[in-house]
Amino acid sequence: MPFADQLISDRTATTLTEAVAAAAPGVALHALPATVGRLDELSLRERADLLRDALLADLPGGYADLARVVRAARDGAKPFTGWLIWPVTSAVAARAVEEKTDAAFDDAMALLAELTGRLTAEFAVRTLLRHDLDRALGIAADWARSDDVDVRRLASEGTRPYLPWAVRVPELLARPGMTVPLLDALYRDESDYVRRSVANHLNDLSRDHPELVVTTAGRWLAEPVATTQGLVRHALRTLVKRGHPGALGLLGFGPAALEIDGPVLDGDRVPFGGTLRFTAEVRNVGAEEARLSIDYVVHHRKANGSRTAKTFKLTTRTLAPGEQVRLSREHSFRPITTRRYYPGPHAVALQVNGVATDLASFELDQPAGV
């Protein structure tokens, strides 16, 4: 993931200032130029918020005044694209909500759709969703029928329950299924860009509403096109890792008669920063062919001594009656920015079609010099 200063930087602030100055030549800009040099210690969203607030301060007045300048900048000669679009669209949404009129709300939604192809308006639309969810979703339903691929994606991506970097929309979480009609309209979309958003959106829903997700995916698989199976597989990835029987069943991973030997570790200690190695054997002892989704689950030690499980994909296999497969894996404990490792007791298990084996325990050693 890029660093914040690679996305919204002093150069972004300067470019935005120049575009707004050209679009509103009679306005003296003070707040926007003053943001230069103030971004360094801020997160990405904080940077977007700082530029949003500066834009609103430099362009006081009603929603229509701001929208007029934004459209002029959009159509002007100065660059008006890339990550500066995030604070611009956020300013549009904030001013529309502040005005509290249907006309401002509807025009703001239209303006976000006009600008989304220049980066994305997915973050800004959250403000409007929080203000009037039903009105916003009604407009998003029109977006889902747009000829513009970026606008169609905005209908799905902007309404995701757990959109990364974005503020939450509590009402979306409290009213499960509100966005499913949008996904129904888009799951067969000709664009992979749109379909991937649909899959990620459905995967978001699976955190809190697994049965809704399984039912929705089942409907899609009952009326598929060539891309439906792949989309559903991506959408159900979290439920598959959790071993959800309904999700596994939709993908063809049903109950199976198996004998599993393992995981067998190559040692009971792993150096800090080292590698865990294990093998396993899986045999189909049933009378029918068995389609298998095989994962492994590492039970990491936490700072308080408890353990938390993390599931990793191993393989998928189809075994004929009596057939056996031998598996091996190396799992690194090299330090990474997204996970902190704590020395002490750990464990690993296989998970086959959602059913976990017994744990195989090992000790993660202290870092060298500790």
Protein backbone atom coordinates (compact mmCIF):
# COMPACT_ATOMS: atom_id res chain seq x y z
CA MET A 1 0.00 0.00 0.00
CA PRO A 2 1.49 3.41 -0.92
CA PHE A 3 2.49 5.86 1.81
CA ALA A 4 0.31 8.90 2.42
CA ASP A 5 2.96 11.30 1.10
CA GLN A 6 2.95 9.44 -2.20
CA LEU A 7 -0.76 10.13 -2.64
CA ILE A 8 -1.66 13.46 -1.00
CA SER A 9 1.39 15.67 -0.67
CA ASP A 10 2.39 19.33 -0.72
CA ARG A 11 2.36 19.05 -4.50
CA THR A 12 -1.28 17.90 -4.33
CA ALA A 13 -2.14 20.97 -2.25
CA THR A 14 -0.34 23.26 -4.69
CA THR A 15 -2.04 21.70 -7.72
CA LEU A 16 -5.45 22.06 -6.08
CA THR A 17 -4.74 25.68 -5.18
CA GLU A 18 -3.73 26.48 -8.75
CA ALA A 19 -6.84 24.83 -10.21
CA VAL A 20 -9.20 26.64 -7.84
CA ALA A 21 -7.44 29.98 -8.39
CA ALA A 22 -7.87 29.61 -12.15
CA ALA A 23 -11.55 28.65 -11.76
CA ALA A 24 -12.33 31.52 -9.35
CA PRO A 25 -9.96 34.34 -10.35
CA GLY A 26 -11.74 36.92 -8.18
CA VAL A 27 -11.33 34.94 -4.95
CA ALA A 28 -8.35 35.43 -2.67
CA LEU A 29 -7.17 32.03 -1.49
CA HIS A 30 -5.52 31.85 1.93
CA ALA A 31 -6.38 28.53 3.58
CA LEU A 32 -5.41 26.25 0.69
CA PRO A 33 -1.90 27.70 0.18
CA ALA A 34 -1.38 27.53 3.95
CA THR A 35 -1.76 23.73 3.95
CA VAL A 36 1.63 23.35 2.24
CA GLY A 37 4.09 22.15 4.85
CA ARG A 38 1.36 20.98 7.25
CA LEU A 39 0.73 17.50 5.82
CA ASP A 40 3.80 15.60 6.93
CA GLU A 41 2.59 14.25 10.27
CA LEU A 42 -0.94 13.44 9.09
CA SER A 43 -2.51 10.18 7.95
CA LEU A 44 -3.96 9.95 4.46
CA ARG A 45 -7.52 10.64 5.56
CA GLU A 46 -6.37 13.50 7.79
CA ARG A 47 -4.61 15.02 4.79
CA ALA A 48 -7.77 14.79 2.72
CA ASP A 49 -9.77 16.36 5.55
CA LEU A 50 -7.29 19.24 5.92
CA LEU A 51 -7.53 20.10 2.22
CA ARG A 52 -11.33 19.71 2.31
CA ASP A 53 -11.63 22.14 5.21
CA ALA A 54 -9.25 24.60 3.55
CA LEU A 55 -11.26 24.52 0.33
CA LEU A 56 -14.48 25.18 2.23
CA ALA A 57 -12.85 28.07 4.12
CA ASP A 58 -11.58 29.67 0.91
CA LEU A 59 -14.94 29.27 -0.87
CA PRO A 60 -17.61 30.34 1.64
CA GLY A 61 -21.22 30.66 0.63
CA GLY A 62 -23.88 28.21 -0.46
CA TYR A 63 -23.62 24.83 -2.12
CA ALA A 64 -24.31 26.23 -5.58
CA ASP A 65 -21.33 28.61 -5.30
CA LEU A 66 -18.96 25.78 -4.44
CA ALA A 67 -20.36 23.48 -7.13
CA ARG A 68 -19.96 26.21 -9.74
CA VAL A 69 -16.24 26.62 -8.93
CA VAL A 70 -15.65 22.87 -8.82
CA ARG A 71 -17.22 22.37 -12.24
CA ALA A 72 -15.21 25.30 -13.61
CA ALA A 73 -12.02 23.73 -12.26
CA ARG A 74 -13.04 20.40 -13.72
CA ASP A 75 -13.41 21.99 -17.15
CA GLY A 76 -10.45 24.36 -16.80
CA ALA A 77 -6.94 24.23 -18.21
CA LYS A 78 -5.20 23.45 -14.92
CA PRO A 79 -4.77 19.81 -13.84
CA PHE A 80 -7.79 18.65 -11.85
CA THR A 81 -7.43 14.93 -11.35
CA GLY A 82 -5.77 12.36 -9.11
CA TRP A 83 -5.77 12.43 -5.32
CA LEU A 84 -6.88 16.06 -5.05
CA ILE A 85 -10.33 14.74 -6.06
CA TRP A 86 -10.78 13.16 -2.62
CA PRO A 87 -10.82 16.47 -0.70
CA VAL A 88 -12.78 18.18 -3.48
CA THR A 89 -15.57 15.61 -3.48
CA SER A 90 -15.57 15.60 0.32
CA ALA A 91 -16.07 19.37 0.30
CA VAL A 92 -18.94 19.03 -2.16
CA ALA A 93 -20.67 16.44 0.03
CA ALA A 94 -20.10 18.40 3.25
CA ARG A 95 -21.49 21.65 1.83
CA ALA A 96 -24.55 19.87 0.38
CA VAL A 97 -25.36 18.26 3.74
CA GLU A 98 -24.85 21.60 5.48
CA GLU A 99 -27.40 23.21 3.15
CA LYS A 100 -30.04 20.57 3.98
CA THR A 101 -32.01 20.77 0.73
CA ASP A 102 -32.97 17.99 -1.66
CA ALA A 103 -31.71 20.09 -4.57
CA ALA A 104 -28.22 20.42 -3.08
CA PHE A 105 -28.17 16.74 -2.11
CA ASP A 106 -29.17 15.54 -5.57
CA ASP A 107 -26.74 17.86 -7.34
CA ALA A 108 -23.92 16.78 -5.04
CA MET A 109 -24.60 13.14 -5.91
CA ALA A 110 -24.55 14.10 -9.59
CA LEU A 111 -21.29 16.01 -9.19
CA LEU A 112 -19.65 13.07 -7.43
CA ALA A 113 -20.64 10.87 -10.36
CA GLU A 114 -19.13 13.44 -12.74
CA LEU A 115 -15.83 13.47 -10.83
CA THR A 116 -15.45 9.81 -9.83
CA GLY A 117 -13.60 8.84 -13.03
CA ARG A 118 -10.79 11.29 -12.17
CA LEU A 119 -9.89 9.23 -9.09
CA THR A 120 -12.94 8.05 -7.16
CA ALA A 121 -15.79 9.64 -5.20
CA GLU A 122 -16.27 6.55 -3.04
CA PHE A 123 -15.02 8.25 0.14
CA ALA A 124 -17.10 11.41 -0.23
CA VAL A 125 -20.37 9.65 -0.98
CA ARG A 126 -20.30 8.27 2.57
CA THR A 127 -21.23 11.72 3.90
CA LEU A 128 -24.36 11.72 1.77
CA LEU A 129 -25.21 8.14 2.68
CA ARG A 130 -24.99 9.04 6.36
CA HIS A 131 -27.27 12.05 5.81
CA ASP A 132 -30.08 10.33 3.86
CA LEU A 133 -29.43 6.68 3.11
CA ASP A 134 -32.65 5.96 1.25
CA ARG A 135 -32.34 8.98 -1.05
CA ALA A 136 -28.69 8.22 -1.75
CA LEU A 137 -29.37 4.55 -2.52
CA GLY A 138 -32.15 5.55 -4.89
CA ILE A 139 -29.67 7.64 -6.87
CA ALA A 140 -27.05 4.88 -6.65
CA ALA A 141 -29.58 2.54 -8.29
CA ASP A 142 -29.50 4.87 -11.30
CA TRP A 143 -25.69 4.81 -11.19
CA ALA A 144 -25.81 1.03 -11.46
CA ARG A 145 -27.48 1.43 -14.87
CA SER A 146 -25.01 4.05 -16.13
CA ASP A 147 -23.05 3.69 -19.37
CA ASP A 148 -19.98 4.94 -17.46
CA VAL A 149 -17.99 2.10 -15.89
CA ASP A 150 -16.61 4.37 -13.15
CA VAL A 151 -20.11 5.43 -12.14
CA ARG A 152 -21.33 1.83 -12.06
CA ARG A 153 -18.41 0.91 -9.83
CA LEU A 154 -19.20 3.87 -7.57
CA ALA A 155 -22.66 2.40 -6.96
CA SER A 156 -21.05 -0.70 -5.45
CA GLU A 157 -17.79 0.60 -4.01
CA GLY A 158 -19.18 3.73 -2.38
CA THR A 159 -21.83 1.74 -0.52
CA ARG A 160 -19.55 -1.01 0.82
CA PRO A 161 -20.11 -1.61 4.55
CA TYR A 162 -16.39 -1.70 5.34
CA LEU A 163 -14.83 0.42 2.60
CA PRO A 164 -11.10 0.81 3.41
CA TRP A 165 -9.96 4.31 4.50
CA ALA A 166 -13.58 5.49 4.58
CA VAL A 167 -15.91 6.48 7.42
CA ARG A 168 -18.52 3.92 8.39
CA VAL A 169 -22.20 4.36 7.57
CA PRO A 170 -23.91 2.94 10.69
CA GLU A 171 -27.29 2.62 9.01
CA LEU A 172 -25.81 0.34 6.35
CA LEU A 173 -24.69 -2.00 9.12
CA ALA A 174 -28.00 -1.75 10.95
CA ARG A 175 -30.15 -2.47 7.89
CA PRO A 176 -28.68 -5.59 6.28
CA GLY A 177 -29.60 -6.17 2.68
CA MET A 178 -30.11 -2.51 1.76
CA THR A 179 -27.38 -2.64 -0.88
CA VAL A 180 -28.12 -6.12 -2.28
CA PRO A 181 -30.34 -4.71 -5.10
CA LEU A 182 -27.32 -2.71 -6.31
CA LEU A 183 -25.21 -5.86 -6.35
CA ASP A 184 -27.95 -7.80 -8.12
CA ALA A 185 -27.86 -5.18 -10.87
CA LEU A 186 -24.06 -5.34 -11.21
CA TYR A 187 -22.85 -8.90 -10.62
CA ARG A 188 -23.05 -9.66 -14.37
CA ASP A 189 -21.38 -6.41 -15.37
CA GLU A 190 -19.12 -6.61 -18.41
CA SER A 191 -16.29 -4.87 -16.52
CA ASP A 192 -13.98 -6.81 -14.22
CA TYR A 193 -13.38 -3.49 -12.42
CA VAL A 194 -17.06 -3.39 -11.44
CA ARG A 195 -17.39 -7.10 -10.71
CA ARG A 196 -14.39 -7.04 -8.37
CA SER A 197 -16.07 -4.25 -6.40
CA VAL A 198 -19.25 -6.33 -6.21
CA ALA A 199 -17.28 -9.30 -4.88
CA ASN A 200 -15.52 -7.15 -2.28
CA HIS A 201 -18.84 -5.59 -1.26
CA LEU A 202 -20.45 -9.00 -0.75
CA ASN A 203 -17.37 -10.12 1.18
CA ASP A 204 -17.79 -7.07 3.45
CA LEU A 205 -21.38 -8.13 4.15
CA SER A 206 -20.19 -11.60 5.12
CA ARG A 207 -18.54 -10.24 8.26
CA ASP A 208 -21.92 -9.64 9.90
CA HIS A 209 -24.52 -11.37 7.71
CA PRO A 210 -23.17 -14.67 6.38
CA GLU A 211 -26.55 -16.21 5.63
CA LEU A 212 -27.60 -13.18 3.58
CA VAL A 213 -24.39 -13.50 1.59
CA VAL A 214 -24.79 -17.23 0.99
CA THR A 215 -28.40 -16.74 -0.12
CA THR A 216 -27.41 -13.92 -2.49
CA ALA A 217 -24.50 -15.86 -3.96
CA GLY A 218 -26.75 -18.89 -4.38
CA ARG A 219 -29.24 -16.84 -6.40
CA TRP A 220 -26.46 -15.62 -8.66
CA LEU A 221 -25.11 -19.11 -9.20
CA ALA A 222 -28.62 -20.24 -10.16
CA GLU A 223 -28.59 -17.71 -13.03
CA PRO A 224 -24.91 -17.48 -13.91
CA VAL A 225 -22.89 -16.03 -16.72
CA ALA A 226 -19.30 -17.01 -17.52
CA THR A 227 -17.89 -14.72 -14.83
CA THR A 228 -20.25 -15.60 -11.98
CA GLN A 229 -18.34 -18.53 -10.51
CA GLY A 230 -15.13 -16.52 -10.19
CA LEU A 231 -16.94 -13.55 -8.67
CA VAL A 232 -18.71 -15.72 -6.11
CA ARG A 233 -15.48 -17.49 -5.19
CA HIS A 234 -13.85 -14.12 -4.47
CA ALA A 235 -16.91 -12.88 -2.57
CA LEU A 236 -17.02 -15.94 -0.31
CA ARG A 237 -13.32 -15.96 0.55
CA THR A 238 -13.79 -14.84 4.16
CA LEU A 239 -16.59 -17.34 4.80
CA VAL A 240 -14.50 -20.12 3.27
CA LYS A 241 -11.63 -19.27 5.62
CA ARG A 242 -14.10 -19.38 8.50
CA GLY A 243 -15.24 -22.80 7.36
CA HIS A 244 -18.84 -21.73 6.74
CA PRO A 245 -20.67 -24.86 5.48
CA GLY A 246 -23.10 -22.95 3.23
CA ALA A 247 -20.34 -21.01 1.49
CA LEU A 248 -18.22 -24.12 1.05
CA GLY A 249 -21.20 -26.02 -0.30
CA LEU A 250 -21.91 -23.38 -2.94
CA LEU A 251 -18.35 -23.81 -4.20
CA GLY A 252 -18.63 -27.59 -4.31
CA PHE A 253 -16.74 -28.37 -1.08
CA GLY A 254 -19.16 -30.63 0.77
CA PRO A 255 -18.68 -33.16 3.58
CA ALA A 256 -16.16 -35.88 2.75
CA ALA A 257 -14.90 -39.09 4.35
CA LEU A 258 -11.21 -38.41 4.93
CA GLU A 259 -8.22 -39.64 6.85
CA ILE A 260 -5.79 -36.84 7.69
CA ASP A 261 -2.29 -37.35 9.06
CA GLY A 262 -0.88 -34.06 10.21
CA PRO A 263 0.12 -31.42 10.29
CA VAL A 264 3.48 -32.95 11.15
CA LEU A 265 6.06 -30.32 12.16
CA ASP A 266 9.74 -30.61 11.36
CA GLY A 267 10.50 -29.39 14.88
CA ASP A 268 8.81 -28.02 17.98
CA ARG A 269 10.71 -24.72 18.02
CA VAL A 270 10.89 -21.92 15.46
CA PRO A 271 13.54 -19.19 15.64
CA PHE A 272 12.15 -15.66 15.86
CA GLY A 273 12.07 -14.48 12.24
CA GLY A 274 12.47 -18.07 11.07
CA THR A 275 10.24 -20.54 9.24
CA LEU A 276 7.75 -23.17 10.35
CA ARG A 277 7.76 -26.26 8.12
CA PHE A 278 5.10 -28.93 8.18
CA THR A 279 3.70 -31.77 6.10
CA ALA A 280 0.36 -33.55 5.99
CA GLU A 281 -1.32 -36.40 4.16
CA VAL A 282 -4.98 -36.43 3.20
CA ARG A 283 -6.70 -39.59 1.96
CA ASN A 284 -10.21 -39.99 0.57
CA VAL A 285 -11.64 -43.08 2.28
CA GLY A 286 -15.13 -42.57 0.93
CA ALA A 287 -16.85 -44.14 -2.05
CA GLU A 288 -17.31 -40.82 -3.88
CA GLU A 289 -14.96 -38.31 -5.43
CA ALA A 290 -14.07 -35.60 -2.89
CA ARG A 291 -13.50 -31.96 -3.82
CA LEU A 292 -11.39 -30.38 -1.09
CA SER A 293 -10.62 -26.85 0.03
CA ILE A 294 -7.51 -27.21 2.17
CA ASP A 295 -6.30 -24.35 4.37
CA TYR A 296 -4.06 -24.13 7.39
CA VAL A 297 -4.69 -22.11 10.52
CA VAL A 298 -1.88 -20.58 12.59
CA HIS A 299 -2.80 -19.83 16.19
CA HIS A 300 -0.57 -16.86 17.05
CA ARG A 301 0.27 -15.91 20.60
CA LYS A 302 -0.95 -12.45 21.61
CA ALA A 303 0.68 -10.02 24.04
CA ASN A 304 -1.68 -11.08 26.85
CA GLY A 305 -0.86 -14.76 26.40
CA SER A 306 -4.08 -15.73 24.62
CA ARG A 307 -4.06 -16.90 21.01
CA THR A 308 -5.73 -15.67 17.83
CA ALA A 309 -6.26 -17.73 14.69
CA LYS A 310 -5.29 -16.67 11.18
CA THR A 311 -6.29 -18.82 8.20
CA PHE A 312 -4.07 -19.21 5.13
CA LYS A 313 -4.92 -20.86 1.81
CA LEU A 314 -3.02 -24.07 1.10
CA THR A 315 -4.60 -25.72 -1.95
CA THR A 316 -7.72 -27.14 -3.54
CA ARG A 317 -7.73 -30.75 -4.68
CA THR A 318 -10.13 -33.35 -6.02
CA LEU A 319 -9.41 -36.88 -4.79
CA ALA A 320 -10.84 -40.03 -6.25
CA PRO A 321 -11.93 -42.78 -3.84
CA GLY A 322 -8.81 -44.17 -2.19
CA GLU A 323 -6.58 -41.39 -3.56
CA GLN A 324 -4.08 -39.68 -1.25
CA VAL A 325 -2.22 -36.40 -1.46
CA ARG A 326 0.87 -35.32 0.45
CA LEU A 327 1.12 -31.62 1.31
CA SER A 328 3.97 -29.47 2.58
CA ARG A 329 4.25 -25.83 3.49
CA GLU A 330 6.77 -23.36 4.85
CA HIS A 331 5.30 -20.50 6.89
CA SER A 332 7.53 -17.51 7.59
CA PHE A 333 7.67 -15.65 10.88
CA ARG A 334 9.77 -12.88 9.37
CA PRO A 335 8.68 -9.56 10.93
CA ILE A 336 6.17 -7.64 8.79
CA THR A 337 4.44 -4.29 9.28
CA THR A 338 0.93 -5.79 9.43
CA ARG A 339 1.55 -8.33 12.20
CA ARG A 340 3.53 -8.35 15.42
CA TYR A 341 4.82 -11.70 16.65
CA TYR A 342 5.12 -12.58 20.32
CA PRO A 343 7.45 -15.36 21.49
CA GLY A 344 5.91 -18.33 23.23
CA PRO A 345 3.45 -21.15 22.53
CA HIS A 346 1.87 -21.23 19.07
CA ALA A 347 0.01 -23.92 17.14
CA VAL A 348 -1.05 -24.87 13.63
CA ALA A 349 -3.89 -27.00 12.25
CA LEU A 350 -5.22 -28.01 8.87
CA GLN A 351 -8.74 -27.04 7.87
CA VAL A 352 -10.32 -29.22 5.19
CA ASN A 353 -13.76 -28.26 3.88
CA GLY A 354 -14.22 -26.19 7.01
CA VAL A 355 -13.29 -28.96 9.48
CA ALA A 356 -10.14 -28.40 11.54
CA THR A 357 -7.68 -31.06 12.62
CA ASP A 358 -6.13 -31.28 16.06
CA LEU A 359 -3.56 -28.60 16.84
CA ALA A 360 0.15 -29.21 16.42
CA SER A 361 1.99 -27.04 18.95
CA PHE A 362 5.34 -25.31 18.67
CA GLU A 363 7.31 -22.61 20.44
CA LEU A 364 8.35 -19.34 18.79
CA ASP A 365 11.70 -18.37 20.31
CA GLN A 366 12.67 -15.01 21.72
CA PRO A 367 14.34 -12.56 19.30
CA ALA A 368 18.14 -12.74 19.31
CA GLY A 369 19.70 -10.64 22.04
CA VAL A 370 16.58 -10.53 24.22
